[in-house]
Amino acid sequence: MEFIKVEKAYAKHVALIQLNRPKELNALNLKLMGEIRDSLKELDQDDEVRTIIITGNERAFAAGADIKQMAGKGTIDMWKVDQFSTWDQINKTRKPIIAAVSGFALGGGCELAMTCDMMIASETAQFGQPEIKIGVMPGAGGTQRLTKALGKAKAMELVLTGKFISAEEAFGYGLVNRVVPVELYLEEAVKLAKEIATMSPIAVQMAKESVKRSFEVHLEEGLHFERKNFYMLFSANDQKEGMNAFVEKRKPDFKGN
C-alpha cells in the first residue's frame, strides 16, 4: 500500500487502517481511496478481525478530496472514474468500523468519517463540508448523513456556507460518540473496538445491520427486519454459548459461528 498503513492485529481482533499522506493532510486521491476499499474487502473476510478502525494523524483525519486530481475533469470523466466505490464498500462491510478523528475532517474526509459506524474525536477535530467554496457540493453523502445527524437547518448552514464545527459541537449534535484529549483519541477508539470485539461477531454484525436498516425504511419494516435477525441468531453456536455462560455465571467464549 502506498497511501495507507494496515495493521491486521493492532490489538486483539482489531485492525487499523491509517491514512498516510501527511504532507497533503491525507487528501483523498483515487489511489488512496482504492487502497481503503481493497483493505476493507480483505479485512471483512478475515475471521481474526472483528472490528476495524480508520484514522489519520493528529493534524488531519482527511482534509478533503484531492482537488488537483479533479480540477480538469468533466462530467463524463468523473462518471467513468466511479470514485464513490470506496463509500459503497464501507456500507457493505459487515464488521463495525470506528473513525478515530483528530484535526481536519473536511469534505470527503468528513463524509468518510460519517460513513463509519462510530466516531471518536480529539479535542482538535473540526468537521465541515466546504465544497461550496470551490463551486461544487458534497457528493459522497455529506448532504444526507450530515442532515440526519444535525437536522435540516444546521446541515443546510454548513453545506451552503462551508463553515466548520468543532468536536464539542459535533458531540452535542450526536455526530461523534465522545471527545477526548488529542493524545488519547486513538487509544479511546481502540478501547471501544476491543470492547465490541469481545461480543459475538455474528450478533454484532446482525445488530449493526439492523441499526443501519432503521435509516432506510419505515418503522414497521425495520421492526420486521430486526425480528428476523433476532430469530436467526438462535441458530448460532454463539447464542448457545452466551446464554449458557450467563446461566453458569462465567465469561462467554464467542467463536463467531
C-alpha atoms as a PDB file:
ATOM      1  CA  MET A   1       0.000   0.000   0.000  1.00  0.00           C
ATOM      2  CA  GLU A   2       1.332   3.432  -0.962  1.00  0.00           C
ATOM      3  CA  PHE A   3      -1.006   5.829   0.839  1.00  0.00           C
ATOM      4  CA  ILE A   4      -2.354   3.826   3.792  1.00  0.00           C
ATOM      5  CA  LYS A   5      -0.906   1.618   6.505  1.00  0.00           C
ATOM      6  CA  VAL A   6      -2.808  -1.500   7.561  1.00  0.00           C
ATOM      7  CA  GLU A   7      -2.205  -3.412  10.788  1.00  0.00           C
ATOM      8  CA  LYS A   8      -4.381  -6.522  10.930  1.00  0.00           C
ATOM      9  CA  ALA A   9      -3.531  -7.229  14.577  1.00  0.00           C
ATOM     10  CA  TYR A  10      -3.263  -3.722  16.031  1.00  0.00           C
ATOM     11  CA  ALA A  11      -4.985  -5.149  19.104  1.00  0.00           C
ATOM     12  CA  LYS A  12      -6.710  -8.494  19.665  1.00  0.00           C
ATOM     13  CA  HIS A  13      -9.322  -8.882  16.903  1.00  0.00           C
ATOM     14  CA  VAL A  14      -8.842  -5.190  15.925  1.00  0.00           C
ATOM     15  CA  ALA A  15      -7.461  -3.975  12.580  1.00  0.00           C
ATOM     16  CA  LEU A  16      -6.223  -0.448  11.912  1.00  0.00           C
ATOM     17  CA  ILE A  17      -6.294   1.430   8.612  1.00  0.00           C
ATOM     18  CA  GLN A  18      -4.235   4.631   8.790  1.00  0.00           C
ATOM     19  CA  LEU A  19      -4.335   7.224   6.029  1.00  0.00           C
ATOM     20  CA  ASN A  20      -0.744   8.122   5.177  1.00  0.00           C
ATOM     21  CA  ARG A  21      -0.397  11.272   3.069  1.00  0.00           C
ATOM     22  CA  PRO A  22       0.713  13.597   5.885  1.00  0.00           C
ATOM     23  CA  LYS A  23       2.149  16.357   3.662  1.00  0.00           C
ATOM     24  CA  GLU A  24      -1.199  16.612   1.833  1.00  0.00           C
ATOM     25  CA  LEU A  25      -3.227  16.425   5.079  1.00  0.00           C
ATOM     26  CA  ASN A  26      -4.373  12.967   3.941  1.00  0.00           C
ATOM     27  CA  ALA A  27      -6.203  14.367   0.919  1.00  0.00           C
ATOM     28  CA  LEU A  28      -8.253  11.585  -0.652  1.00  0.00           C
ATOM     29  CA  ASN A  29      -6.849  10.818  -4.069  1.00  0.00           C
ATOM     30  CA  LEU A  30      -8.135   7.906  -6.128  1.00  0.00           C
ATOM     31  CA  LYS A  31      -5.297   5.552  -5.237  1.00  0.00           C
ATOM     32  CA  LEU A  32      -5.716   6.125  -1.502  1.00  0.00           C
ATOM     33  CA  MET A  33      -9.443   5.522  -1.723  1.00  0.00           C
ATOM     34  CA  GLY A  34      -8.883   2.370  -3.750  1.00  0.00           C
ATOM     35  CA  GLU A  35      -6.471   1.099  -1.123  1.00  0.00           C
ATOM     36  CA  ILE A  36      -9.055   1.689   1.616  1.00  0.00           C
ATOM     37  CA  ARG A  37     -11.686  -0.137  -0.449  1.00  0.00           C
ATOM     38  CA  ASP A  38      -9.455  -3.148  -1.116  1.00  0.00           C
ATOM     39  CA  SER A  39      -8.286  -3.332   2.507  1.00  0.00           C
ATOM     40  CA  LEU A  40     -11.846  -3.292   3.806  1.00  0.00           C
ATOM     41  CA  LYS A  41     -12.783  -6.153   1.479  1.00  0.00           C
ATOM     42  CA  GLU A  42      -9.873  -8.210   2.807  1.00  0.00           C
ATOM     43  CA  LEU A  43     -10.450  -7.381   6.479  1.00  0.00           C
ATOM     44  CA  ASP A  44     -14.152  -8.158   6.207  1.00  0.00           C
ATOM     45  CA  GLN A  45     -13.249 -11.704   5.133  1.00  0.00           C
ATOM     46  CA  ASP A  46     -10.629 -12.219   7.850  1.00  0.00           C
ATOM     47  CA  ASP A  47     -12.100 -14.216  10.748  1.00  0.00           C
ATOM     48  CA  GLU A  48      -9.434 -12.902  13.129  1.00  0.00           C
ATOM     49  CA  VAL A  49     -10.652  -9.328  12.630  1.00  0.00           C
ATOM     50  CA  ARG A  50     -13.832  -8.332  14.462  1.00  0.00           C
ATOM     51  CA  THR A  51     -13.652  -4.531  14.437  1.00  0.00           C
ATOM     52  CA  ILE A  52     -11.895  -2.019  12.183  1.00  0.00           C
ATOM     53  CA  ILE A  53     -10.553   1.465  12.950  1.00  0.00           C
ATOM     54  CA  ILE A  54      -9.906   4.104  10.270  1.00  0.00           C
ATOM     55  CA  THR A  55      -7.703   7.024  11.301  1.00  0.00           C
ATOM     56  CA  GLY A  56      -5.332   9.675  10.016  1.00  0.00           C
ATOM     57  CA  ASN A  57      -2.895  11.565  12.220  1.00  0.00           C
ATOM     58  CA  GLU A  58      -3.128  14.234  14.911  1.00  0.00           C
ATOM     59  CA  ARG A  59      -3.154  17.080  12.380  1.00  0.00           C
ATOM     60  CA  ALA A  60      -5.705  15.673   9.954  1.00  0.00           C
ATOM     61  CA  PHE A  61      -8.058  12.741   9.559  1.00  0.00           C
ATOM     62  CA  ALA A  62      -8.508  13.836   5.945  1.00  0.00           C
ATOM     63  CA  ALA A  63      -8.750  17.424   4.736  1.00  0.00           C
ATOM     64  CA  GLY A  64     -10.929  16.521   1.751  1.00  0.00           C
ATOM     65  CA  ALA A  65     -10.650  15.173  -1.762  1.00  0.00           C
ATOM     66  CA  ASP A  66      -7.540  15.768  -3.844  1.00  0.00           C
ATOM     67  CA  ILE A  67      -8.724  18.842  -5.762  1.00  0.00           C
ATOM     68  CA  LYS A  68      -5.725  18.808  -8.121  1.00  0.00           C
ATOM     69  CA  GLN A  69      -6.844  15.400  -9.344  1.00  0.00           C
ATOM     70  CA  MET A  70     -10.376  16.631 -10.124  1.00  0.00           C
ATOM     71  CA  ALA A  71      -9.867  20.227 -11.309  1.00  0.00           C
ATOM     72  CA  GLY A  72      -9.601  19.462 -15.021  1.00  0.00           C
ATOM     73  CA  LYS A  73     -12.255  16.753 -15.179  1.00  0.00           C
ATOM     74  CA  GLY A  74     -15.580  16.925 -16.991  1.00  0.00           C
ATOM     75  CA  THR A  75     -18.880  15.217 -16.175  1.00  0.00           C
ATOM     76  CA  ILE A  76     -18.142  12.058 -18.185  1.00  0.00           C
ATOM     77  CA  ASP A  77     -14.604  11.883 -16.787  1.00  0.00           C
ATOM     78  CA  MET A  78     -15.944  11.907 -13.239  1.00  0.00           C
ATOM     79  CA  TRP A  79     -18.654   9.376 -14.050  1.00  0.00           C
ATOM     80  CA  LYS A  80     -16.134   6.938 -15.560  1.00  0.00           C
ATOM     81  CA  VAL A  81     -13.835   7.146 -12.541  1.00  0.00           C
ATOM     82  CA  ASP A  82     -16.545   5.955 -10.098  1.00  0.00           C
ATOM     83  CA  GLN A  83     -14.682   7.452  -7.155  1.00  0.00           C
ATOM     84  CA  PHE A  84     -17.502   6.546  -4.766  1.00  0.00           C
ATOM     85  CA  SER A  85     -16.877   2.788  -4.794  1.00  0.00           C
ATOM     86  CA  THR A  86     -14.981   3.139  -1.515  1.00  0.00           C
ATOM     87  CA  TRP A  87     -18.035   4.549   0.240  1.00  0.00           C
ATOM     88  CA  ASP A  88     -20.083   1.708  -1.237  1.00  0.00           C
ATOM     89  CA  GLN A  89     -17.591  -0.775   0.238  1.00  0.00           C
ATOM     90  CA  ILE A  90     -17.791   0.881   3.669  1.00  0.00           C
ATOM     91  CA  ASN A  91     -21.564   0.483   3.538  1.00  0.00           C
ATOM     92  CA  LYS A  92     -21.208  -3.187   2.554  1.00  0.00           C
ATOM     93  CA  THR A  93     -18.635  -4.025   5.236  1.00  0.00           C
ATOM     94  CA  ARG A  94     -20.318  -6.210   7.851  1.00  0.00           C
ATOM     95  CA  LYS A  95     -17.848  -5.592  10.650  1.00  0.00           C
ATOM     96  CA  PRO A  96     -18.131  -2.416  12.754  1.00  0.00           C
ATOM     97  CA  ILE A  97     -15.927   0.469  11.613  1.00  0.00           C
ATOM     98  CA  ILE A  98     -14.804   3.191  14.023  1.00  0.00           C
ATOM     99  CA  ALA A  99     -13.403   6.505  12.788  1.00  0.00           C
ATOM    100  CA  ALA A 100     -10.683   7.933  15.063  1.00  0.00           C
ATOM    101  CA  VAL A 101     -10.599  11.615  14.127  1.00  0.00           C
ATOM    102  CA  SER A 102      -8.146  14.362  15.014  1.00  0.00           C
ATOM    103  CA  GLY A 103      -7.657  17.680  13.266  1.00  0.00           C
ATOM    104  CA  PHE A 104      -9.360  18.315   9.949  1.00  0.00           C
ATOM    105  CA  ALA A 105     -12.205  16.086   8.748  1.00  0.00           C
ATOM    106  CA  LEU A 106     -13.442  18.156   5.842  1.00  0.00           C
ATOM    107  CA  GLY A 107     -15.299  17.479   2.615  1.00  0.00           C
ATOM    108  CA  GLY A 108     -14.633  13.889   1.619  1.00  0.00           C
ATOM    109  CA  GLY A 109     -12.838  13.414   4.936  1.00  0.00           C
ATOM    110  CA  CYS A 110     -15.960  14.375   6.848  1.00  0.00           C
ATOM    111  CA  GLU A 111     -18.017  12.100   4.604  1.00  0.00           C
ATOM    112  CA  LEU A 112     -15.570   9.240   5.157  1.00  0.00           C
ATOM    113  CA  ALA A 113     -15.804   9.645   8.937  1.00  0.00           C
ATOM    114  CA  MET A 114     -19.610   9.881   8.856  1.00  0.00           C
ATOM    115  CA  THR A 115     -19.881   6.709   6.769  1.00  0.00           C
ATOM    116  CA  CYS A 116     -18.189   4.774   9.569  1.00  0.00           C
ATOM    117  CA  ASP A 117     -20.419   3.278  12.272  1.00  0.00           C
ATOM    118  CA  MET A 118     -18.990   5.188  15.243  1.00  0.00           C
ATOM    119  CA  MET A 119     -16.625   8.083  15.760  1.00  0.00           C
ATOM    120  CA  ILE A 120     -14.131   9.071  18.437  1.00  0.00           C
ATOM    121  CA  ALA A 121     -12.847  12.648  18.107  1.00  0.00           C
ATOM    122  CA  SER A 122      -9.949  14.508  19.628  1.00  0.00           C
ATOM    123  CA  GLU A 123     -10.496  17.994  21.057  1.00  0.00           C
ATOM    124  CA  THR A 124      -8.841  19.446  17.951  1.00  0.00           C
ATOM    125  CA  ALA A 125     -11.166  17.780  15.448  1.00  0.00           C
ATOM    126  CA  GLN A 126     -13.069  20.015  13.023  1.00  0.00           C
ATOM    127  CA  PHE A 127     -15.860  18.848  10.730  1.00  0.00           C
ATOM    128  CA  GLY A 128     -17.259  20.516   7.649  1.00  0.00           C
ATOM    129  CA  GLN A 129     -18.352  20.317   4.029  1.00  0.00           C
ATOM    130  CA  PRO A 130     -16.576  23.257   2.349  1.00  0.00           C
ATOM    131  CA  GLU A 131     -17.180  22.092  -1.243  1.00  0.00           C
ATOM    132  CA  ILE A 132     -19.447  25.083  -1.881  1.00  0.00           C
ATOM    133  CA  LYS A 133     -16.387  27.349  -1.679  1.00  0.00           C
ATOM    134  CA  ILE A 134     -14.910  25.775  -4.824  1.00  0.00           C
ATOM    135  CA  GLY A 135     -18.119  25.760  -6.825  1.00  0.00           C
ATOM    136  CA  VAL A 136     -19.408  22.251  -6.166  1.00  0.00           C
ATOM    137  CA  MET A 137     -21.263  20.413  -3.400  1.00  0.00           C
ATOM    138  CA  PRO A 138     -20.824  17.244  -1.320  1.00  0.00           C
ATOM    139  CA  GLY A 139     -21.084  14.094  -3.402  1.00  0.00           C
ATOM    140  CA  ALA A 140     -20.309  11.212  -1.032  1.00  0.00           C
ATOM    141  CA  GLY A 141     -23.169  11.527   1.428  1.00  0.00           C
ATOM    142  CA  GLY A 142     -22.422  14.902   3.019  1.00  0.00           C
ATOM    143  CA  THR A 143     -25.857  16.404   2.386  1.00  0.00           C
ATOM    144  CA  GLN A 144     -27.573  13.216   3.559  1.00  0.00           C
ATOM    145  CA  ARG A 145     -25.641  11.995   6.606  1.00  0.00           C
ATOM    146  CA  LEU A 146     -24.943  15.474   7.957  1.00  0.00           C
ATOM    147  CA  THR A 147     -28.659  16.284   7.780  1.00  0.00           C
ATOM    148  CA  LYS A 148     -29.617  13.088   9.591  1.00  0.00           C
ATOM    149  CA  ALA A 149     -27.128  13.880  12.362  1.00  0.00           C
ATOM    150  CA  LEU A 150     -27.504  17.660  12.722  1.00  0.00           C
ATOM    151  CA  GLY A 151     -31.013  18.345  11.423  1.00  0.00           C
ATOM    152  CA  LYS A 152     -32.023  20.331   8.339  1.00  0.00           C
ATOM    153  CA  ALA A 153     -31.291  23.870   9.492  1.00  0.00           C
ATOM    154  CA  LYS A 154     -27.755  23.328  10.786  1.00  0.00           C
ATOM    155  CA  ALA A 155     -26.781  20.981   7.969  1.00  0.00           C
ATOM    156  CA  MET A 156     -28.092  23.489   5.435  1.00  0.00           C
ATOM    157  CA  GLU A 157     -25.994  26.232   7.019  1.00  0.00           C
ATOM    158  CA  LEU A 158     -22.808  24.174   6.946  1.00  0.00           C
ATOM    159  CA  VAL A 159     -23.321  22.909   3.394  1.00  0.00           C
ATOM    160  CA  LEU A 160     -24.233  26.332   1.973  1.00  0.00           C
ATOM    161  CA  THR A 161     -21.542  28.337   3.781  1.00  0.00           C
ATOM    162  CA  GLY A 162     -18.733  25.821   4.098  1.00  0.00           C
ATOM    163  CA  LYS A 163     -18.336  26.585   7.805  1.00  0.00           C
ATOM    164  CA  PHE A 164     -16.749  24.087  10.206  1.00  0.00           C
ATOM    165  CA  ILE A 165     -17.966  22.810  13.553  1.00  0.00           C
ATOM    166  CA  SER A 166     -15.763  21.814  16.471  1.00  0.00           C
ATOM    167  CA  ALA A 167     -15.526  18.400  18.077  1.00  0.00           C
ATOM    168  CA  GLU A 168     -17.603  19.595  21.030  1.00  0.00           C
ATOM    169  CA  GLU A 169     -20.325  20.911  18.713  1.00  0.00           C
ATOM    170  CA  ALA A 170     -20.279  17.629  16.794  1.00  0.00           C
ATOM    171  CA  PHE A 171     -20.661  15.732  20.058  1.00  0.00           C
ATOM    172  CA  GLY A 172     -23.596  17.949  21.055  1.00  0.00           C
ATOM    173  CA  TYR A 173     -25.359  17.068  17.810  1.00  0.00           C
ATOM    174  CA  GLY A 174     -24.644  13.361  18.197  1.00  0.00           C
ATOM    175  CA  LEU A 175     -22.264  13.194  15.253  1.00  0.00           C
ATOM    176  CA  VAL A 176     -19.481  11.681  17.396  1.00  0.00           C
ATOM    177  CA  ASN A 177     -19.549   9.231  20.292  1.00  0.00           C
ATOM    178  CA  ARG A 178     -17.172  11.161  22.527  1.00  0.00           C
ATOM    179  CA  VAL A 179     -14.426  13.780  22.577  1.00  0.00           C
ATOM    180  CA  VAL A 180     -11.107  13.154  24.312  1.00  0.00           C
ATOM    181  CA  PRO A 181      -7.717  14.890  24.559  1.00  0.00           C
ATOM    182  CA  VAL A 182      -5.684  14.654  21.370  1.00  0.00           C
ATOM    183  CA  GLU A 183      -3.150  12.274  22.904  1.00  0.00           C
ATOM    184  CA  LEU A 184      -5.933   9.797  23.733  1.00  0.00           C
ATOM    185  CA  TYR A 185      -8.197   9.760  20.666  1.00  0.00           C
ATOM    186  CA  LEU A 186      -6.708   6.637  19.050  1.00  0.00           C
ATOM    187  CA  GLU A 187      -6.381   4.876  22.394  1.00  0.00           C
ATOM    188  CA  GLU A 188     -10.051   5.573  23.100  1.00  0.00           C
ATOM    189  CA  ALA A 189     -11.049   4.224  19.678  1.00  0.00           C
ATOM    190  CA  VAL A 190      -9.048   1.060  20.326  1.00  0.00           C
ATOM    191  CA  LYS A 191     -10.697   0.689  23.731  1.00  0.00           C
ATOM    192  CA  LEU A 192     -14.143   0.832  22.105  1.00  0.00           C
ATOM    193  CA  ALA A 193     -13.082  -1.544  19.321  1.00  0.00           C
ATOM    194  CA  LYS A 194     -11.709  -4.079  21.806  1.00  0.00           C
ATOM    195  CA  GLU A 195     -14.907  -3.956  23.873  1.00  0.00           C
ATOM    196  CA  ILE A 196     -17.036  -4.683  20.804  1.00  0.00           C
ATOM    197  CA  ALA A 197     -14.615  -7.433  19.755  1.00  0.00           C
ATOM    198  CA  THR A 198     -15.386  -9.380  22.943  1.00  0.00           C
ATOM    199  CA  MET A 199     -19.002  -9.802  21.846  1.00  0.00           C
ATOM    200  CA  SER A 200     -20.338 -12.475  19.481  1.00  0.00           C
ATOM    201  CA  PRO A 201     -19.120 -11.460  15.992  1.00  0.00           C
ATOM    202  CA  ILE A 202     -22.243 -12.792  14.287  1.00  0.00           C
ATOM    203  CA  ALA A 203     -24.543 -10.994  16.736  1.00  0.00           C
ATOM    204  CA  VAL A 204     -22.555  -7.760  16.348  1.00  0.00           C
ATOM    205  CA  GLN A 205     -22.807  -7.904  12.564  1.00  0.00           C
ATOM    206  CA  MET A 206     -26.542  -8.623  12.585  1.00  0.00           C
ATOM    207  CA  ALA A 207     -27.157  -5.883  15.161  1.00  0.00           C
ATOM    208  CA  LYS A 208     -25.155  -3.412  13.049  1.00  0.00           C
ATOM    209  CA  GLU A 209     -27.173  -4.412  10.003  1.00  0.00           C
ATOM    210  CA  SER A 210     -30.421  -3.799  11.908  1.00  0.00           C
ATOM    211  CA  VAL A 211     -29.388  -0.368  13.201  1.00  0.00           C
ATOM    212  CA  LYS A 212     -28.375   0.730   9.688  1.00  0.00           C
ATOM    213  CA  ARG A 213     -31.693  -0.539   8.345  1.00  0.00           C
ATOM    214  CA  SER A 214     -33.544   1.909  10.580  1.00  0.00           C
ATOM    215  CA  PHE A 215     -32.236   4.781   8.409  1.00  0.00           C
ATOM    216  CA  GLU A 216     -33.541   3.206   5.211  1.00  0.00           C
ATOM    217  CA  VAL A 217     -37.093   2.011   5.943  1.00  0.00           C
ATOM    218  CA  HIS A 218     -40.182   2.970   7.927  1.00  0.00           C
ATOM    219  CA  LEU A 219     -40.679   1.641  11.459  1.00  0.00           C
ATOM    220  CA  GLU A 220     -42.848  -1.379  10.691  1.00  0.00           C
ATOM    221  CA  GLU A 221     -40.441  -2.750   8.088  1.00  0.00           C
ATOM    222  CA  GLY A 222     -37.489  -2.010  10.367  1.00  0.00           C
ATOM    223  CA  LEU A 223     -39.089  -3.948  13.218  1.00  0.00           C
ATOM    224  CA  HIS A 224     -39.739  -6.879  10.895  1.00  0.00           C
ATOM    225  CA  PHE A 225     -36.084  -6.853   9.803  1.00  0.00           C
ATOM    226  CA  GLU A 226     -34.876  -6.656  13.412  1.00  0.00           C
ATOM    227  CA  ARG A 227     -37.095  -9.573  14.450  1.00  0.00           C
ATOM    228  CA  LYS A 228     -35.849 -11.725  11.573  1.00  0.00           C
ATOM    229  CA  ASN A 229     -32.220 -11.175  12.624  1.00  0.00           C
ATOM    230  CA  PHE A 230     -33.125 -11.849  16.269  1.00  0.00           C
ATOM    231  CA  TYR A 231     -34.642 -15.225  15.376  1.00  0.00           C
ATOM    232  CA  MET A 232     -31.740 -16.125  13.079  1.00  0.00           C
ATOM    233  CA  LEU A 233     -29.239 -15.732  15.903  1.00  0.00           C
ATOM    234  CA  PHE A 234     -30.868 -18.658  17.723  1.00  0.00           C
ATOM    235  CA  SER A 235     -29.310 -20.972  15.133  1.00  0.00           C
ATOM    236  CA  ALA A 236     -25.805 -19.749  16.034  1.00  0.00           C
ATOM    237  CA  ASN A 237     -23.445 -21.519  18.418  1.00  0.00           C
ATOM    238  CA  ASP A 238     -22.587 -18.124  19.916  1.00  0.00           C
ATOM    239  CA  GLN A 239     -26.170 -17.780  21.161  1.00  0.00           C
ATOM    240  CA  LYS A 240     -25.910 -21.113  22.990  1.00  0.00           C
ATOM    241  CA  GLU A 241     -22.516 -20.169  24.407  1.00  0.00           C
ATOM    242  CA  GLY A 242     -23.649 -16.719  25.505  1.00  0.00           C
ATOM    243  CA  MET A 243     -26.802 -17.864  27.277  1.00  0.00           C
ATOM    244  CA  ASN A 244     -25.122 -20.886  28.861  1.00  0.00           C
ATOM    245  CA  ALA A 245     -22.300 -18.674  30.126  1.00  0.00           C
ATOM    246  CA  PHE A 246     -24.853 -16.299  31.647  1.00  0.00           C
ATOM    247  CA  VAL A 247     -26.640 -19.149  33.437  1.00  0.00           C
ATOM    248  CA  GLU A 248     -23.342 -20.655  34.592  1.00  0.00           C
ATOM    249  CA  LYS A 249     -22.033 -17.219  35.701  1.00  0.00           C
ATOM    250  CA  ARG A 250     -18.900 -17.318  33.582  1.00  0.00           C
ATOM    251  CA  LYS A 251     -17.404 -15.270  30.756  1.00  0.00           C
ATOM    252  CA  PRO A 252     -18.554 -16.427  27.298  1.00  0.00           C
ATOM    253  CA  ASP A 253     -16.069 -17.601  24.680  1.00  0.00           C
ATOM    254  CA  PHE A 254     -17.558 -16.457  21.380  1.00  0.00           C
ATOM    255  CA  LYS A 255     -16.282 -18.041  18.155  1.00  0.00           C
ATOM    256  CA  GLY A 256     -18.342 -16.220  15.561  1.00  0.00           C
ATOM    257  CA  ASN A 257     -20.454 -19.125  14.382  1.00  0.00           C
END
